[in-house]
């Protein structure tokens, strides 16, 4: 069996190939974003929805309730500190 004849290359084929080759060489690859290192004692302000009874549990001993929530979250996450 003979294969069908190849169609002749056209100017648009060559242009498409040239554009693809140029784009692959000139397209800047995005740099990987470096992971943020967790710095001790640096805190970030966030908004967090907590059930009312859980919030009352931490607030019942007065000021420092945010630190107590943070300590409980660190313990649950398996972090020391």
Protein backbone atom coordinates (compact mmCIF):
# COMPACT_ATOMS: atom_id res chain seq x y z
CA UNK A 1 0.00 0.00 0.00
CA UNK A 2 1.13 3.43 -0.72
CA UNK A 3 0.57 6.31 1.58
CA UNK A 4 -1.40 9.29 0.37
CA UNK A 5 0.69 12.15 -0.93
CA UNK A 6 1.67 14.74 1.64
CA UNK A 7 0.14 18.09 1.16
CA UNK A 8 2.65 20.79 0.37
CA UNK A 9 3.79 23.10 3.14
CA UNK A 10 2.17 26.46 3.05
CA UNK A 11 3.34 29.80 4.29
CA UNK A 12 0.88 29.65 7.20
CA UNK A 13 2.36 26.29 8.31
CA UNK A 14 5.84 27.77 8.40
CA UNK A 15 4.60 30.87 10.19
CA UNK A 16 2.80 28.80 12.82
CA UNK A 17 5.91 26.66 13.41
CA UNK A 18 8.15 29.72 13.66
CA UNK A 19 5.80 31.44 16.12
CA UNK A 20 5.65 28.31 18.28
CA UNK A 21 9.45 28.00 18.29
CA UNK A 22 9.90 31.70 19.13
CA UNK A 23 7.29 31.58 21.88
CA UNK A 24 8.88 28.55 23.53
CA UNK A 25 12.25 30.33 23.63
CA UNK A 26 11.02 33.73 24.77
CA UNK A 27 8.28 32.79 27.23
CA UNK A 28 9.51 33.44 30.74
CA UNK A 29 8.86 30.54 33.07
CA UNK A 30 7.26 31.62 36.36
CA UNK A 31 9.61 31.29 39.29
CA UNK A 32 8.51 29.12 42.16
CA UNK A 33 7.21 31.12 45.09
CA UNK A 34 9.45 30.47 48.07
CA UNK A 35 7.66 28.96 51.03
CA UNK A 36 7.19 31.33 53.93
CA UNK A 37 9.23 30.33 56.91
CA UNK A 38 7.22 30.35 60.11
CA UNK A 39 8.82 32.89 62.38
CA UNK A 40 8.37 32.40 66.11
CA UNK A 41 6.34 35.08 67.85
CA UNK A 42 5.10 36.56 64.57
CA UNK A 43 1.34 36.57 64.50
CA UNK A 44 -1.06 37.17 61.68
CA UNK A 45 -4.46 38.79 62.04
CA UNK A 46 -7.21 36.47 60.78
CA UNK A 47 -10.96 36.27 60.99
CA UNK A 48 -12.19 32.96 62.38
CA UNK A 49 -15.70 31.69 63.07
CA UNK A 50 -15.85 29.71 66.32
CA UNK A 51 -18.90 28.22 67.99
CA UNK A 52 -20.17 30.45 70.80
CA UNK A 53 -19.76 27.79 73.50
CA UNK A 54 -16.13 27.19 72.48
CA UNK A 55 -15.39 30.92 72.57
CA UNK A 56 -17.04 31.22 76.02
CA UNK A 57 -14.90 28.33 77.28
CA UNK A 58 -11.69 30.18 76.41
CA UNK A 59 -12.98 33.59 77.57
CA UNK A 60 -14.26 32.42 80.98
CA UNK A 61 -10.79 32.79 82.58
CA UNK A 62 -10.49 36.41 81.45
CA UNK A 63 -7.84 38.10 79.39
CA UNK A 64 -5.39 35.96 77.47
CA UNK A 65 -8.16 33.94 75.85
CA UNK A 66 -6.65 34.44 72.39
CA UNK A 67 -3.34 33.02 73.63
CA UNK A 68 -5.20 30.03 75.08
CA UNK A 69 -6.95 29.40 71.76
CA UNK A 70 -3.60 29.68 69.97
CA UNK A 71 -2.01 27.19 72.40
CA UNK A 72 -4.89 24.74 71.89
CA UNK A 73 -4.59 25.04 68.12
CA UNK A 74 -0.81 24.52 68.28
CA UNK A 75 -1.33 21.40 70.38
CA UNK A 76 -3.98 20.08 67.96
CA UNK A 77 -1.62 20.74 65.03
CA UNK A 78 1.19 18.84 66.76
CA UNK A 79 3.36 21.93 67.12
CA UNK A 80 5.45 22.74 70.15
CA UNK A 81 5.95 26.14 71.55
